[in-house]
PDB file of N, CA and C in Angstrom:
ATOM      1  N   MET A   1      -8.029  23.447 -16.730  1.00  0.00           N
ATOM      2  CA  MET A   1      -7.363  22.235 -16.529  1.00  0.00           C
ATOM      3  C   MET A   1      -6.554  22.017 -15.826  1.00  0.00           C
ATOM      4  N   ILE A   2      -6.621  20.952 -14.911  1.00  0.00           N
ATOM      5  CA  ILE A   2      -5.059  20.351 -14.000  1.00  0.00           C
ATOM      6  C   ILE A   2      -4.721  19.252 -14.665  1.00  0.00           C
ATOM      7  N   THR A   3      -3.544  19.286 -14.855  1.00  0.00           N
ATOM      8  CA  THR A   3      -2.671  18.281 -15.132  1.00  0.00           C
ATOM      9  C   THR A   3      -1.787  17.375 -14.095  1.00  0.00           C
ATOM     10  N   VAL A   4      -2.139  16.249 -14.227  1.00  0.00           N
ATOM     11  CA  VAL A   4      -1.637  15.277 -12.987  1.00  0.00           C
ATOM     12  C   VAL A   4      -0.651  14.189 -13.798  1.00  0.00           C
ATOM     13  N   LEU A   5       0.726  14.299 -13.185  1.00  0.00           N
ATOM     14  CA  LEU A   5       1.368  13.220 -13.749  1.00  0.00           C
ATOM     15  C   LEU A   5       2.090  12.367 -12.462  1.00  0.00           C
ATOM     16  N   TYR A   6       2.041  11.342 -12.795  1.00  0.00           N
ATOM     17  CA  TYR A   6       2.689  10.271 -12.046  1.00  0.00           C
ATOM     18  C   TYR A   6       4.165   9.466 -11.993  1.00  0.00           C
ATOM     19  N   GLU A   7       4.985   9.700 -11.428  1.00  0.00           N
ATOM     20  CA  GLU A   7       6.283   9.589 -11.757  1.00  0.00           C
ATOM     21  C   GLU A   7       6.588   8.538 -10.866  1.00  0.00           C
ATOM     22  N   LEU A   8       7.739   7.240 -10.872  1.00  0.00           N
ATOM     23  CA  LEU A   8       8.459   6.554 -10.189  1.00  0.00           C
ATOM     24  C   LEU A   8       9.531   7.623  -9.971  1.00  0.00           C
ATOM     25  N   ALA A   9      10.249   7.388  -8.499  1.00  0.00           N
ATOM     26  CA  ALA A   9      11.769   8.125  -8.412  1.00  0.00           C
ATOM     27  C   ALA A   9      12.430   6.956  -7.474  1.00  0.00           C
ATOM     28  N   ASP A  10      13.619   7.348  -7.863  1.00  0.00           N
ATOM     29  CA  ASP A  10      14.943   6.734  -7.166  1.00  0.00           C
ATOM     30  C   ASP A  10      15.539   7.895  -6.130  1.00  0.00           C
ATOM     31  N   ASP A  11      15.279   8.870  -5.977  1.00  0.00           N
ATOM     32  CA  ASP A  11      15.748   9.850  -5.756  1.00  0.00           C
ATOM     33  C   ASP A  11      15.408  10.318  -4.005  1.00  0.00           C
ATOM     34  N   LEU A  12      14.482   9.784  -4.081  1.00  0.00           N
ATOM     35  CA  LEU A  12      13.725  10.340  -2.749  1.00  0.00           C
ATOM     36  C   LEU A  12      14.221  10.289  -1.132  1.00  0.00           C
ATOM     37  N   ASN A  13      14.105  11.119  -0.306  1.00  0.00           N
ATOM     38  CA  ASN A  13      15.198  11.196   0.897  1.00  0.00           C
ATOM     39  C   ASN A  13      14.720   9.890   1.664  1.00  0.00           C
ATOM     40  N   ASP A  14      15.487   9.217   2.596  1.00  0.00           N
ATOM     41  CA  ASP A  14      15.157   7.845   3.425  1.00  0.00           C
ATOM     42  C   ASP A  14      13.702   8.366   4.247  1.00  0.00           C
ATOM     43  N   GLY A  15      13.202   7.180   4.031  1.00  0.00           N
ATOM     44  CA  GLY A  15      11.927   7.142   4.675  1.00  0.00           C
ATOM     45  C   GLY A  15      10.714   8.092   3.894  1.00  0.00           C
ATOM     46  N   GLU A  16      10.803   8.870   2.769  1.00  0.00           N
ATOM     47  CA  GLU A  16       9.918   9.428   2.090  1.00  0.00           C
ATOM     48  C   GLU A  16       9.544   8.380   1.048  1.00  0.00           C
ATOM     49  N   ALA A  17       8.085   8.357   1.069  1.00  0.00           N
ATOM     50  CA  ALA A  17       7.559   7.358  -0.087  1.00  0.00           C
ATOM     51  C   ALA A  17       7.227   8.176  -1.112  1.00  0.00           C
ATOM     52  N   LEU A  18       6.613   9.477  -0.953  1.00  0.00           N
ATOM     53  CA  LEU A  18       5.798  10.217  -1.958  1.00  0.00           C
ATOM     54  C   LEU A  18       6.210  11.883  -1.611  1.00  0.00           C
ATOM     55  N   ASP A  19       6.657  12.390  -3.086  1.00  0.00           N
ATOM     56  CA  ASP A  19       6.936  13.704  -3.100  1.00  0.00           C
ATOM     57  C   ASP A  19       5.893  14.189  -4.041  1.00  0.00           C
ATOM     58  N   ILE A  20       5.442  15.689  -3.451  1.00  0.00           N
ATOM     59  CA  ILE A  20       4.289  16.003  -4.298  1.00  0.00           C
ATOM     60  C   ILE A  20       4.623  17.298  -4.631  1.00  0.00           C
ATOM     61  N   VAL A  21       4.743  17.534  -6.084  1.00  0.00           N
ATOM     62  CA  VAL A  21       5.068  18.729  -6.781  1.00  0.00           C
ATOM     63  C   VAL A  21       3.895  19.441  -7.272  1.00  0.00           C
ATOM     64  N   GLU A  22       3.398  20.959  -6.289  1.00  0.00           N
ATOM     65  CA  GLU A  22       2.386  21.338  -7.314  1.00  0.00           C
ATOM     66  C   GLU A  22       2.740  22.617  -7.840  1.00  0.00           C
ATOM     67  N   ASP A  23       2.207  22.986  -8.922  1.00  0.00           N
ATOM     68  CA  ASP A  23       2.478  24.362  -9.583  1.00  0.00           C
ATOM     69  C   ASP A  23       1.113  24.562 -10.469  1.00  0.00           C
ATOM     70  N   ARG A  24       1.124  25.924 -10.827  1.00  0.00           N
ATOM     71  CA  ARG A  24      -0.329  26.098 -11.502  1.00  0.00           C
ATOM     72  C   ARG A  24      -0.803  25.094 -12.790  1.00  0.00           C
ATOM     73  N   GLY A  25      -1.745  24.594 -12.588  1.00  0.00           N
ATOM     74  CA  GLY A  25      -2.490  23.627 -13.471  1.00  0.00           C
ATOM     75  C   GLY A  25      -1.918  22.428 -13.304  1.00  0.00           C
ATOM     76  N   ARG A  26      -0.794  22.061 -12.846  1.00  0.00           N
ATOM     77  CA  ARG A  26      -0.173  20.906 -12.976  1.00  0.00           C
ATOM     78  C   ARG A  26       0.237  20.349 -11.206  1.00  0.00           C
ATOM     79  N   VAL A  27      -0.460  19.014 -11.180  1.00  0.00           N
ATOM     80  CA  VAL A  27       0.398  18.417 -10.028  1.00  0.00           C
ATOM     81  C   VAL A  27       1.285  17.333 -10.203  1.00  0.00           C
ATOM     82  N   VAL A  28       2.602  17.137  -9.747  1.00  0.00           N
ATOM     83  CA  VAL A  28       3.078  15.643  -9.804  1.00  0.00           C
ATOM     84  C   VAL A  28       3.240  14.894  -8.794  1.00  0.00           C
ATOM     85  N   TYR A  29       2.766  13.729  -8.895  1.00  0.00           N
ATOM     86  CA  TYR A  29       3.431  12.648  -7.686  1.00  0.00           C
ATOM     87  C   TYR A  29       4.406  12.022  -8.113  1.00  0.00           C
ATOM     88  N   ARG A  30       5.504  12.186  -7.165  1.00  0.00           N
ATOM     89  CA  ARG A  30       6.716  11.503  -7.143  1.00  0.00           C
ATOM     90  C   ARG A  30       6.803  10.293  -6.102  1.00  0.00           C
ATOM     91  N   LEU A  31       6.829   8.799  -6.674  1.00  0.00           N
ATOM     92  CA  LEU A  31       6.640   7.832  -5.874  1.00  0.00           C
ATOM     93  C   LEU A  31       7.954   6.795  -6.196  1.00  0.00           C
ATOM     94  N   ARG A  32       8.074   6.603  -4.518  1.00  0.00           N
ATOM     95  CA  ARG A  32       9.127   5.948  -4.344  1.00  0.00           C
ATOM     96  C   ARG A  32       9.233   4.541  -5.227  1.00  0.00           C
ATOM     97  N   ASP A  33      10.062   4.015  -6.075  1.00  0.00           N
ATOM     98  CA  ASP A  33       9.999   2.852  -7.169  1.00  0.00           C
ATOM     99  C   ASP A  33      10.137   1.755  -6.613  1.00  0.00           C
ATOM    100  N   SER A  34      10.210   1.542  -5.292  1.00  0.00           N
ATOM    101  CA  SER A  34      10.556   0.202  -4.550  1.00  0.00           C
ATOM    102  C   SER A  34       9.039  -0.392  -3.846  1.00  0.00           C
ATOM    103  N   LEU A  35       7.837   0.667  -3.917  1.00  0.00           N
ATOM    104  CA  LEU A  35       6.891   0.364  -3.215  1.00  0.00           C
ATOM    105  C   LEU A  35       6.013  -0.699  -3.905  1.00  0.00           C
ATOM    106  N   THR A  36       5.104  -1.097  -3.179  1.00  0.00           N
ATOM    107  CA  THR A  36       4.505  -2.361  -3.566  1.00  0.00           C
ATOM    108  C   THR A  36       3.209  -1.777  -4.265  1.00  0.00           C
ATOM    109  N   PRO A  37       2.193  -2.286  -5.132  1.00  0.00           N
ATOM    110  CA  PRO A  37       1.248  -1.642  -5.745  1.00  0.00           C
ATOM    111  C   PRO A  37       0.277  -1.151  -4.458  1.00  0.00           C
ATOM    112  N   GLN A  38       0.039  -2.026  -3.588  1.00  0.00           N
ATOM    113  CA  GLN A  38      -0.999  -1.682  -2.343  1.00  0.00           C
ATOM    114  C   GLN A  38      -0.561  -0.438  -1.625  1.00  0.00           C
ATOM    115  N   GLU A  39       1.022  -0.251  -1.441  1.00  0.00           N
ATOM    116  CA  GLU A  39       1.419   0.775  -0.652  1.00  0.00           C
ATOM    117  C   GLU A  39       1.421   2.165  -1.683  1.00  0.00           C
ATOM    118  N   MET A  40       1.444   1.859  -2.832  1.00  0.00           N
ATOM    119  CA  MET A  40       1.328   3.133  -4.175  1.00  0.00           C
ATOM    120  C   MET A  40      -0.035   3.725  -3.849  1.00  0.00           C
ATOM    121  N   VAL A  41      -1.319   2.786  -3.635  1.00  0.00           N
ATOM    122  CA  VAL A  41      -2.395   3.135  -3.414  1.00  0.00           C
ATOM    123  C   VAL A  41      -2.815   3.797  -2.402  1.00  0.00           C
ATOM    124  N   ASP A  42      -2.052   3.487  -1.119  1.00  0.00           N
ATOM    125  CA  ASP A  42      -2.380   3.998  -0.082  1.00  0.00           C
ATOM    126  C   ASP A  42      -2.083   5.100   0.319  1.00  0.00           C
ATOM    127  N   VAL A  43      -0.649   5.438  -0.265  1.00  0.00           N
ATOM    128  CA  VAL A  43       0.235   6.580  -0.398  1.00  0.00           C
ATOM    129  C   VAL A  43      -0.316   7.717  -1.155  1.00  0.00           C
ATOM    130  N   LEU A  44      -0.997   7.413  -2.392  1.00  0.00           N
ATOM    131  CA  LEU A  44      -1.430   8.130  -3.036  1.00  0.00           C
ATOM    132  C   LEU A  44      -2.759   8.669  -2.810  1.00  0.00           C
ATOM    133  N   ASN A  45      -3.677   7.623  -1.849  1.00  0.00           N
ATOM    134  CA  ASN A  45      -4.611   8.243  -1.482  1.00  0.00           C
ATOM    135  C   ASN A  45      -4.390   9.151  -0.353  1.00  0.00           C
ATOM    136  N   THR A  46      -3.416   8.949   0.394  1.00  0.00           N
ATOM    137  CA  THR A  46      -3.249   9.915   1.449  1.00  0.00           C
ATOM    138  C   THR A  46      -2.931  11.194   1.044  1.00  0.00           C
ATOM    139  N   GLY A  47      -1.811  11.074   0.145  1.00  0.00           N
ATOM    140  CA  GLY A  47      -1.222  12.635  -0.513  1.00  0.00           C
ATOM    141  C   GLY A  47      -2.318  13.363  -1.255  1.00  0.00           C
ATOM    142  N   THR A  48      -3.382  12.700  -2.137  1.00  0.00           N
ATOM    143  CA  THR A  48      -4.385  13.114  -2.760  1.00  0.00           C
ATOM    144  C   THR A  48      -5.370  14.076  -1.652  1.00  0.00           C
ATOM    145  N   ALA A  49      -5.507  13.574  -0.582  1.00  0.00           N
ATOM    146  CA  ALA A  49      -6.336  13.995   0.314  1.00  0.00           C
ATOM    147  C   ALA A  49      -5.826  15.376   0.890  1.00  0.00           C
ATOM    148  N   GLY A  50      -4.143  15.144   0.924  1.00  0.00           N
ATOM    149  CA  GLY A  50      -3.719  16.401   1.174  1.00  0.00           C
ATOM    150  C   GLY A  50      -3.772  17.728   0.529  1.00  0.00           C
ATOM    151  N   VAL A  51      -3.518  17.373  -1.063  1.00  0.00           N
ATOM    152  CA  VAL A  51      -3.428  18.365  -1.714  1.00  0.00           C
ATOM    153  C   VAL A  51      -4.959  19.106  -1.894  1.00  0.00           C
ATOM    154  N   ILE A  52      -6.007  18.119  -2.071  1.00  0.00           N
ATOM    155  CA  ILE A  52      -7.133  18.750  -1.886  1.00  0.00           C
ATOM    156  C   ILE A  52      -7.690  19.516  -0.715  1.00  0.00           C
ATOM    157  N   ALA A  53      -7.506  19.220   0.530  1.00  0.00           N
ATOM    158  CA  ALA A  53      -7.298  19.597   1.965  1.00  0.00           C
ATOM    159  C   ALA A  53      -6.695  21.009   1.891  1.00  0.00           C
ATOM    160  N   GLY A  54      -5.612  21.308   1.218  1.00  0.00           N
ATOM    161  CA  GLY A  54      -4.404  21.920   1.410  1.00  0.00           C
ATOM    162  C   GLY A  54      -4.971  23.271   0.541  1.00  0.00           C
ATOM    163  N   GLY A  55      -6.176  23.223  -0.225  1.00  0.00           N
ATOM    164  CA  GLY A  55      -6.961  24.247  -0.572  1.00  0.00           C
ATOM    165  C   GLY A  55      -5.773  25.201  -1.826  1.00  0.00           C
ATOM    166  N   ARG A  56      -4.736  24.691  -2.282  1.00  0.00           N
ATOM    167  CA  ARG A  56      -4.024  25.513  -2.751  1.00  0.00           C
ATOM    168  C   ARG A  56      -4.621  25.857  -4.150  1.00  0.00           C
ATOM    169  N   TRP A  57      -5.524  25.074  -4.770  1.00  0.00           N
ATOM    170  CA  TRP A  57      -6.125  25.245  -5.720  1.00  0.00           C
ATOM    171  C   TRP A  57      -7.540  24.873  -5.859  1.00  0.00           C
ATOM    172  N   PHE A  58      -8.259  25.348  -6.838  1.00  0.00           N
ATOM    173  CA  PHE A  58      -9.725  24.824  -7.052  1.00  0.00           C
ATOM    174  C   PHE A  58      -9.874  24.807  -8.311  1.00  0.00           C
ATOM    175  N   GLN A  59     -11.525  24.078  -8.540  1.00  0.00           N
ATOM    176  CA  GLN A  59     -11.818  23.895 -10.109  1.00  0.00           C
ATOM    177  C   GLN A  59     -13.046  24.070 -10.088  1.00  0.00           C
ATOM    178  N   GLU A  60     -13.333  25.011 -11.100  1.00  0.00           N
ATOM    179  CA  GLU A  60     -14.535  25.786 -11.470  1.00  0.00           C
ATOM    180  C   GLU A  60     -15.448  24.695 -12.479  1.00  0.00           C
ATOM    181  N   TRP A  61     -16.845  24.466 -12.066  1.00  0.00           N
ATOM    182  CA  TRP A  61     -17.244  23.686 -13.192  1.00  0.00           C
ATOM    183  C   TRP A  61     -18.923  24.534 -13.265  1.00  0.00           C
ATOM    184  N   LYS A  62     -18.987  24.998 -14.536  1.00  0.00           N
ATOM    185  CA  LYS A  62     -20.441  25.854 -14.816  1.00  0.00           C
ATOM    186  C   LYS A  62     -20.628  26.775 -13.721  1.00  0.00           C
ATOM    187  N   GLY A  63     -19.753  27.652 -13.401  1.00  0.00           N
ATOM    188  CA  GLY A  63     -19.762  28.776 -12.439  1.00  0.00           C
ATOM    189  C   GLY A  63     -19.808  28.122 -10.715  1.00  0.00           C
ATOM    190  N   ASP A  64     -19.549  26.803 -10.462  1.00  0.00           N
ATOM    191  CA  ASP A  64     -19.839  26.567  -8.953  1.00  0.00           C
ATOM    192  C   ASP A  64     -18.059  25.957  -9.061  1.00  0.00           C
ATOM    193  N   ILE A  65     -17.884  26.280  -7.577  1.00  0.00           N
ATOM    194  CA  ILE A  65     -16.715  25.770  -7.219  1.00  0.00           C
ATOM    195  C   ILE A  65     -16.821  24.481  -6.534  1.00  0.00           C
ATOM    196  N   ILE A  66     -15.808  23.564  -7.080  1.00  0.00           N
ATOM    197  CA  ILE A  66     -16.105  22.017  -6.559  1.00  0.00           C
ATOM    198  C   ILE A  66     -15.231  22.131  -5.473  1.00  0.00           C
ATOM    199  N   SER A  67     -16.064  21.283  -4.365  1.00  0.00           N
ATOM    200  CA  SER A  67     -15.264  21.291  -3.024  1.00  0.00           C
ATOM    201  C   SER A  67     -14.863  19.828  -2.762  1.00  0.00           C
ATOM    202  N   ALA A  68     -14.062  19.555  -1.770  1.00  0.00           N
ATOM    203  CA  ALA A  68     -13.482  18.384  -1.437  1.00  0.00           C
ATOM    204  C   ALA A  68     -14.534  17.744  -0.106  1.00  0.00           C
ATOM    205  N   GLU A  69     -15.144  19.128   0.318  1.00  0.00           N
ATOM    206  CA  GLU A  69     -15.762  18.710   1.646  1.00  0.00           C
ATOM    207  C   GLU A  69     -16.986  17.583   1.347  1.00  0.00           C
ATOM    208  N   ALA A  70     -17.180  16.743   2.161  1.00  0.00           N
ATOM    209  CA  ALA A  70     -18.231  15.855   1.677  1.00  0.00           C
ATOM    210  C   ALA A  70     -19.320  16.107   2.220  1.00  0.00           C
ATOM    211  N   THR A  71     -20.934  16.286   1.711  1.00  0.00           N
ATOM    212  CA  THR A  71     -21.871  16.599   2.385  1.00  0.00           C
ATOM    213  C   THR A  71     -22.730  15.478   1.789  1.00  0.00           C
ATOM    214  N   ASP A  72     -24.205  15.458   2.578  1.00  0.00           N
ATOM    215  CA  ASP A  72     -25.346  14.722   2.379  1.00  0.00           C
ATOM    216  C   ASP A  72     -25.768  14.472   1.021  1.00  0.00           C
ATOM    217  N   SER A  73     -25.499  15.562  -0.192  1.00  0.00           N
ATOM    218  CA  SER A  73     -25.789  15.598  -1.282  1.00  0.00           C
ATOM    219  C   SER A  73     -24.583  15.500  -2.338  1.00  0.00           C
ATOM    220  N   ALA A  74     -23.827  15.062  -1.810  1.00  0.00           N
ATOM    221  CA  ALA A  74     -22.254  14.720  -2.741  1.00  0.00           C
ATOM    222  C   ALA A  74     -22.659  13.827  -3.810  1.00  0.00           C
ATOM    223  N   ARG A  75     -23.992  13.025  -3.808  1.00  0.00           N
ATOM    224  CA  ARG A  75     -23.851  12.477  -5.003  1.00  0.00           C
ATOM    225  C   ARG A  75     -24.975  12.892  -6.004  1.00  0.00           C
ATOM    226  N   HIS A  76     -25.259  14.341  -5.651  1.00  0.00           N
ATOM    227  CA  HIS A  76     -26.270  14.835  -6.830  1.00  0.00           C
ATOM    228  C   HIS A  76     -25.918  16.229  -7.080  1.00  0.00           C
ATOM    229  N   LEU A  77     -26.001  16.557  -8.408  1.00  0.00           N
ATOM    230  CA  LEU A  77     -25.310  17.969  -8.697  1.00  0.00           C
ATOM    231  C   LEU A  77     -26.087  18.860  -8.856  1.00  0.00           C
ATOM    232  N   PRO A  78     -25.583  20.073  -8.766  1.00  0.00           N
ATOM    233  CA  PRO A  78     -26.848  21.403  -8.592  1.00  0.00           C
ATOM    234  C   PRO A  78     -27.454  21.127  -9.896  1.00  0.00           C
ATOM    235  N   ALA A  79     -28.406  22.246  -9.987  1.00  0.00           N
ATOM    236  CA  ALA A  79     -29.208  22.488 -10.788  1.00  0.00           C
ATOM    237  C   ALA A  79     -28.304  23.545 -12.073  1.00  0.00           C
ATOM    238  N   GLN A  80     -28.417  22.777 -12.995  1.00  0.00           N
ATOM    239  CA  GLN A  80     -27.580  23.347 -14.514  1.00  0.00           C
ATOM    240  C   GLN A  80     -27.920  25.004 -14.476  1.00  0.00           C
ATOM    241  N   ARG A  81     -27.034  26.021 -14.992  1.00  0.00           N
ATOM    242  CA  ARG A  81     -27.604  26.978 -15.031  1.00  0.00           C
ATOM    243  C   ARG A  81     -27.803  27.386 -16.696  1.00  0.00           C
ATOM    244  N   ALA A  82     -28.698  28.070 -17.071  1.00  0.00           N
ATOM    245  CA  ALA A  82     -28.538  28.325 -18.436  1.00  0.00           C
ATOM    246  C   ALA A  82     -27.305  28.857 -18.947  1.00  0.00           C
ATOM    247  N   VAL A  83     -27.296  28.656 -20.320  1.00  0.00           N
ATOM    248  CA  VAL A  83     -26.078  28.955 -20.998  1.00  0.00           C
ATOM    249  C   VAL A  83     -26.277  29.631 -22.339  1.00  0.00           C
ATOM    250  N   HIS A  84     -25.668  31.157 -22.284  1.00  0.00           N
ATOM    251  CA  HIS A  84     -26.043  31.734 -23.446  1.00  0.00           C
ATOM    252  C   HIS A  84     -25.063  32.125 -23.922  1.00  0.00           C
ATOM    253  N   HIS A  85     -25.132  31.691 -25.237  1.00  0.00           N
ATOM    254  CA  HIS A  85     -23.590  32.050 -26.178  1.00  0.00           C
ATOM    255  C   HIS A  85     -24.059  33.258 -27.456  1.00  0.00           C
ATOM    256  N   ASP A  86     -23.226  34.117 -27.613  1.00  0.00           N
ATOM    257  CA  ASP A  86     -23.680  34.907 -28.718  1.00  0.00           C
ATOM    258  C   ASP A  86     -23.403  34.054 -29.936  1.00  0.00           C
ATOM    259  N   VAL A  87     -24.279  34.392 -30.983  1.00  0.00           N
ATOM    260  CA  VAL A  87     -24.094  33.508 -32.263  1.00  0.00           C
ATOM    261  C   VAL A  87     -23.943  34.938 -33.194  1.00  0.00           C
ATOM    262  N   ALA A  88     -22.876  34.805 -34.243  1.00  0.00           N
ATOM    263  CA  ALA A  88     -22.929  35.826 -35.248  1.00  0.00           C
ATOM    264  C   ALA A  88     -23.541  35.486 -36.389  1.00  0.00           C
ATOM    265  N   GLU A  89     -24.461  36.180 -36.712  1.00  0.00           N
ATOM    266  CA  GLU A  89     -25.163  36.249 -38.082  1.00  0.00           C
ATOM    267  C   GLU A  89     -24.645  36.420 -39.126  1.00  0.00           C
ATOM    268  N   THR A  90     -24.608  35.600 -40.242  1.00  0.00           N
ATOM    269  CA  THR A  90     -24.244  36.097 -41.429  1.00  0.00           C
ATOM    270  C   THR A  90     -25.205  36.119 -42.878  1.00  0.00           C
ATOM    271  N   ASP A  91     -24.873  36.740 -43.797  1.00  0.00           N
ATOM    272  CA  ASP A  91     -25.789  36.571 -44.538  1.00  0.00           C
ATOM    273  C   ASP A  91     -25.489  35.605 -45.798  1.00  0.00           C
ATOM    274  N   GLU A  92     -24.565  34.627 -45.411  1.00  0.00           N
ATOM    275  CA  GLU A  92     -24.231  33.585 -46.588  1.00  0.00           C
ATOM    276  C   GLU A  92     -25.250  32.832 -46.525  1.00  0.00           C
ATOM    277  N   ALA A  93     -25.833  32.280 -47.902  1.00  0.00           N
ATOM    278  CA  ALA A  93     -26.947  31.195 -47.793  1.00  0.00           C
ATOM    279  C   ALA A  93     -26.168  30.309 -48.649  1.00  0.00           C
TER     280      ALA A  93
END
């Protein structure tokens, strides 16, 4: 699981609108607190694309690696694999 946090920051360097801090299972987006909502959306879209393209982490879902690359079949999920669970049988009645 990846935890994503968004914080408003008043301590970013001049000219810096976004600071992204990545750690294992955690991404923190620190946004300049003086940005307009549209500027925040634009900066977050660009920053998120950079995080995903950077390949410093990946997400596994049902045995398949989720990729940021767009494909022709991006709207279709792969066929699901059978899942087998060990079930402990008891003599309880």
